[in-house]
Amino acid sequence: MRGVGAMAIALAASIAIQNAVFVGVGAPGYGDPIEEVFAFHTQNRVAVAIAVGHEALNLPLLLGFLTGLHGLVARRGGAGADWSRFAVAAGATLSAVWALYAVLWIGVVLSAGELAAPSPAFELAWQLHAAAFALALPALGTTFIGAAVAARTSRLTPPWQHLLGVVGGGLLITAGAAPLAIADGSAFLFVGLPGSPPGSCGCWRPAYDWCAPPADRPDHAWTYGDEE
């Protein structure tokens, strides 16, 4: 249980650092003029390299957390096992989309370094990068929902954390239903972004409890009952 919690905390920290680096340098949005996007990628190559490099850490941490969660659920009698398998499958899909997202972003950076001005190919690479991000939203939302329901069904988490995971995941899935609009720079993206913090809290906040269960309670008895 402590190992699963540690991987969850490490993943949350890695994603937070990745986002802080990207936001801290004033990253452009998908609806910004392509000239601004081009200028950003020519001037902030190191920052983007750090953000993209974090994907190599995020992928094993995500899959390790989800498979570990599945193991916890299975050892507790199998309640929620279907949901935990669902979360693992969604996480594997998310990992594949994240990888595509990172590869396309690398292509954007490399092409920006070889051009004096944005070309149609550069703009296409940026739009494909945006489309990959849009498709990652429903995969992330599905992962949140599967993990939150599996953890609650196995009584690893209290009801309020389950609710946050499901609501946050639902918002992400809703936004991901419009990948074409998001790739074209639509503000519909912001329908899903508010779902990420509550979804993350619903899935990864319990990790703090799992890392340090009460001293008088063994790991296998770490259970939230229905008394909440």
Protein backbone atom coordinates (compact mmCIF):
# COMPACT_ATOMS: atom_id res chain seq x y z
CA MET A 1 0.00 0.00 0.00
CA ARG A 2 2.83 2.40 0.83
CA GLY A 3 4.47 1.67 -2.52
CA VAL A 4 1.26 2.49 -4.41
CA GLY A 5 0.88 5.68 -2.43
CA ALA A 6 4.46 6.70 -3.08
CA MET A 7 4.08 6.25 -6.84
CA ALA A 8 0.86 8.28 -6.80
CA ILE A 9 2.52 11.13 -4.92
CA ALA A 10 5.56 11.04 -7.21
CA LEU A 11 3.29 11.20 -10.27
CA ALA A 12 1.32 14.14 -8.89
CA ALA A 13 4.58 15.96 -8.09
CA SER A 14 6.02 15.27 -11.54
CA ILE A 15 2.91 16.60 -13.29
CA ALA A 16 2.87 19.68 -11.02
CA ILE A 17 6.52 20.45 -11.84
CA GLN A 18 5.87 19.91 -15.54
CA ASN A 19 2.92 22.31 -15.55
CA ALA A 20 4.78 24.88 -13.44
CA VAL A 21 7.67 24.95 -15.91
CA PHE A 22 5.33 25.30 -18.87
CA VAL A 23 3.12 27.98 -17.32
CA GLY A 24 6.05 29.83 -15.79
CA VAL A 25 7.50 30.71 -19.19
CA GLY A 26 4.19 32.01 -20.55
CA ALA A 27 3.25 29.13 -22.83
CA PRO A 28 0.82 29.93 -25.62
CA GLY A 29 -2.68 28.51 -25.84
CA TYR A 30 -4.00 26.52 -28.77
CA GLY A 31 -6.10 29.49 -29.85
CA ASP A 32 -3.22 31.96 -29.95
CA PRO A 33 -1.84 33.25 -33.27
CA ILE A 34 0.64 30.86 -34.84
CA GLU A 35 3.26 33.63 -34.84
CA GLU A 36 3.17 33.70 -31.02
CA VAL A 37 3.39 29.93 -30.88
CA PHE A 38 6.41 29.98 -33.18
CA ALA A 39 8.16 32.72 -31.18
CA PHE A 40 7.60 30.86 -27.92
CA HIS A 41 9.13 27.63 -29.21
CA THR A 42 12.16 29.36 -30.67
CA GLN A 43 12.84 31.24 -27.41
CA ASN A 44 12.00 28.57 -24.80
CA ARG A 45 13.47 25.37 -26.16
CA VAL A 46 15.03 24.34 -22.82
CA ALA A 47 11.79 24.82 -20.86
CA VAL A 48 9.84 22.78 -23.39
CA ALA A 49 12.52 20.08 -23.31
CA ILE A 50 12.11 19.81 -19.53
CA ALA A 51 8.33 19.61 -19.80
CA VAL A 52 8.45 16.97 -22.52
CA GLY A 53 11.13 15.01 -20.68
CA HIS A 54 8.80 14.61 -17.73
CA GLU A 55 6.58 12.40 -19.87
CA ALA A 56 9.28 9.71 -19.67
CA LEU A 57 8.78 9.77 -15.89
CA ASN A 58 5.01 10.19 -15.88
CA LEU A 59 4.27 7.10 -17.95
CA PRO A 60 5.85 4.44 -15.68
CA LEU A 61 4.56 6.19 -12.56
CA LEU A 62 1.01 6.25 -13.92
CA LEU A 63 1.03 2.60 -14.95
CA GLY A 64 2.76 1.58 -11.73
CA PHE A 65 0.14 3.36 -9.63
CA LEU A 66 -2.78 1.84 -11.54
CA THR A 67 -1.44 -1.71 -11.51
CA GLY A 68 -0.61 -1.32 -7.83
CA LEU A 69 -4.15 -0.13 -7.15
CA HIS A 70 -5.47 -3.15 -8.99
CA GLY A 71 -3.33 -5.36 -6.78
CA LEU A 72 -4.71 -3.70 -3.63
CA VAL A 73 -8.26 -4.17 -4.83
CA ALA A 74 -7.64 -7.83 -5.70
CA ARG A 75 -6.14 -8.53 -2.27
CA ARG A 76 -9.19 -7.06 -0.59
CA GLY A 77 -11.52 -9.71 -1.98
CA GLY A 78 -11.94 -8.43 -5.53
CA ALA A 79 -14.63 -5.82 -4.87
CA GLY A 80 -14.07 -3.17 -7.53
CA ALA A 81 -11.75 -5.42 -9.56
CA ASP A 82 -13.63 -4.71 -12.78
CA TRP A 83 -13.30 -0.99 -12.20
CA SER A 84 -9.59 -1.27 -11.41
CA ARG A 85 -9.03 -3.25 -14.63
CA PHE A 86 -11.00 -0.54 -16.42
CA ALA A 87 -8.68 2.08 -14.90
CA VAL A 88 -5.58 0.14 -15.99
CA ALA A 89 -6.89 -0.10 -19.56
CA ALA A 90 -7.73 3.60 -19.60
CA GLY A 91 -4.31 4.42 -18.16
CA ALA A 92 -2.59 2.37 -20.86
CA THR A 93 -4.56 4.28 -23.49
CA LEU A 94 -3.68 7.56 -21.80
CA SER A 95 -0.01 6.61 -21.82
CA ALA A 96 -0.13 5.98 -25.56
CA VAL A 97 -1.84 9.32 -26.21
CA TRP A 98 0.61 11.12 -23.91
CA ALA A 99 3.47 9.60 -25.87
CA LEU A 100 1.96 10.82 -29.14
CA TYR A 101 1.41 14.25 -27.58
CA ALA A 102 5.08 14.41 -26.54
CA VAL A 103 6.38 13.23 -29.92
CA LEU A 104 4.34 15.86 -31.77
CA TRP A 105 5.53 18.53 -29.36
CA ILE A 106 9.13 17.51 -30.04
CA GLY A 107 8.37 17.87 -33.75
CA VAL A 108 7.05 21.39 -33.15
CA VAL A 109 10.22 22.40 -31.29
CA LEU A 110 12.60 20.89 -33.84
CA SER A 111 10.80 22.42 -36.80
CA ALA A 112 10.75 25.85 -35.10
CA GLY A 113 14.53 25.69 -34.78
CA GLU A 114 14.96 25.25 -38.52
CA LEU A 115 12.60 27.99 -39.71
CA ALA A 116 12.75 31.76 -39.88
CA ALA A 117 8.95 32.05 -39.79
CA PRO A 118 6.05 29.64 -39.17
CA SER A 119 5.29 27.43 -42.15
CA PRO A 120 2.14 25.43 -42.98
CA ALA A 121 3.96 22.27 -41.81
CA PHE A 122 4.77 23.92 -38.47
CA GLU A 123 1.16 24.97 -38.02
CA LEU A 124 -0.04 21.45 -38.86
CA ALA A 125 2.35 19.93 -36.30
CA TRP A 126 1.01 22.33 -33.65
CA GLN A 127 -2.60 21.45 -34.50
CA LEU A 128 -1.83 17.72 -34.30
CA HIS A 129 -0.19 18.33 -30.94
CA ALA A 130 -3.37 20.10 -29.81
CA ALA A 131 -5.50 17.25 -31.12
CA ALA A 132 -3.44 14.72 -29.14
CA PHE A 133 -3.95 16.82 -26.01
CA ALA A 134 -7.70 16.90 -26.67
CA LEU A 135 -7.82 13.11 -27.02
CA ALA A 136 -5.84 12.73 -23.79
CA LEU A 137 -8.66 14.45 -21.88
CA PRO A 138 -11.25 11.63 -22.13
CA ALA A 139 -8.54 9.04 -21.47
CA LEU A 140 -7.50 10.92 -18.33
CA GLY A 141 -11.12 11.35 -17.26
CA THR A 142 -11.83 7.67 -17.73
CA THR A 143 -8.73 6.82 -15.69
CA PHE A 144 -9.91 9.10 -12.88
CA ILE A 145 -13.37 7.53 -12.83
CA GLY A 146 -12.13 3.94 -12.94
CA ALA A 147 -9.57 4.49 -10.19
CA ALA A 148 -11.95 6.46 -7.97
CA VAL A 149 -14.78 3.92 -8.23
CA ALA A 150 -12.42 0.97 -7.73
CA ALA A 151 -10.90 2.54 -4.62
CA ARG A 152 -14.28 3.41 -3.14
CA THR A 153 -15.84 0.02 -3.93
CA SER A 154 -12.95 -1.60 -2.06
CA ARG A 155 -13.39 0.91 0.78
CA LEU A 156 -9.93 2.34 0.30
CA THR A 157 -11.30 5.90 0.13
CA PRO A 158 -14.20 7.86 1.66
CA PRO A 159 -17.26 8.87 -0.43
CA TRP A 160 -16.21 12.49 -0.95
CA GLN A 161 -13.00 11.47 -2.71
CA HIS A 162 -14.95 9.09 -4.93
CA LEU A 163 -17.29 11.95 -5.85
CA LEU A 164 -14.41 14.26 -6.78
CA GLY A 165 -12.86 11.60 -9.02
CA VAL A 166 -16.12 10.92 -10.85
CA VAL A 167 -17.11 14.58 -11.31
CA GLY A 168 -13.63 15.64 -12.40
CA GLY A 169 -13.39 12.71 -14.80
CA GLY A 170 -16.80 13.51 -16.25
CA LEU A 171 -15.76 17.09 -17.04
CA LEU A 172 -12.63 15.87 -18.82
CA ILE A 173 -14.62 13.38 -20.90
CA THR A 174 -17.11 16.12 -21.83
CA ALA A 175 -14.34 18.40 -23.10
CA GLY A 176 -12.70 15.53 -24.96
CA ALA A 177 -15.86 15.03 -26.98
CA ALA A 178 -14.83 18.03 -29.11
CA PRO A 179 -11.24 17.27 -30.20
CA LEU A 180 -11.63 18.97 -33.58
CA ALA A 181 -12.79 22.22 -31.97
CA ILE A 182 -9.96 22.12 -29.40
CA ALA A 183 -7.36 21.44 -32.09
CA ASP A 184 -8.73 24.48 -33.92
CA GLY A 185 -8.20 26.64 -30.82
CA SER A 186 -11.69 26.55 -29.33
CA ALA A 187 -12.18 27.69 -25.72
CA PHE A 188 -14.24 24.52 -25.19
CA LEU A 189 -10.99 23.13 -23.79
CA PHE A 190 -11.69 25.06 -20.59
CA VAL A 191 -14.79 22.97 -19.96
CA GLY A 192 -12.53 20.06 -19.09
CA LEU A 193 -9.57 21.73 -17.40
CA PRO A 194 -11.49 22.47 -14.16
CA GLY A 195 -12.06 18.72 -13.87
CA SER A 196 -8.38 17.90 -13.51
CA PRO A 197 -7.80 19.22 -9.95
CA PRO A 198 -10.83 17.49 -8.38
CA GLY A 199 -10.20 14.36 -10.40
CA SER A 200 -6.60 14.29 -9.24
CA CYS A 201 -7.67 14.86 -5.66
CA GLY A 202 -10.19 12.04 -5.87
CA CYS A 203 -7.56 9.61 -7.17
CA TRP A 204 -4.28 10.72 -5.61
CA ARG A 205 -5.21 12.42 -2.32
CA PRO A 206 -5.75 8.98 -0.69
CA ALA A 207 -2.09 8.27 -1.42
CA TYR A 208 -1.14 10.37 1.58
CA ASP A 209 -3.24 8.11 3.79
CA TRP A 210 -1.87 4.97 2.15
CA CYS A 211 1.72 6.06 2.69
CA ALA A 212 1.19 6.43 6.41
CA PRO A 213 -1.77 4.43 7.74
CA PRO A 214 -2.39 4.66 11.48
CA ALA A 215 0.18 2.77 13.54
CA ASP A 216 -2.46 0.69 15.26
CA ARG A 217 -4.07 -0.43 12.02
CA PRO A 218 -2.34 -2.91 9.64
CA ASP A 219 -2.28 -2.09 5.95
CA HIS A 220 -4.72 -4.83 5.04
CA ALA A 221 -7.28 -3.34 7.45
CA TRP A 222 -7.05 0.20 6.13
CA THR A 223 -10.77 0.51 5.34
CA TYR A 224 -13.24 3.32 5.10
CA GLY A 225 -16.61 2.00 6.15
CA ASP A 226 -20.05 3.37 5.37
CA GLU A 227 -20.25 5.43 8.54
CA GLU A 228 -19.20 8.65 6.75
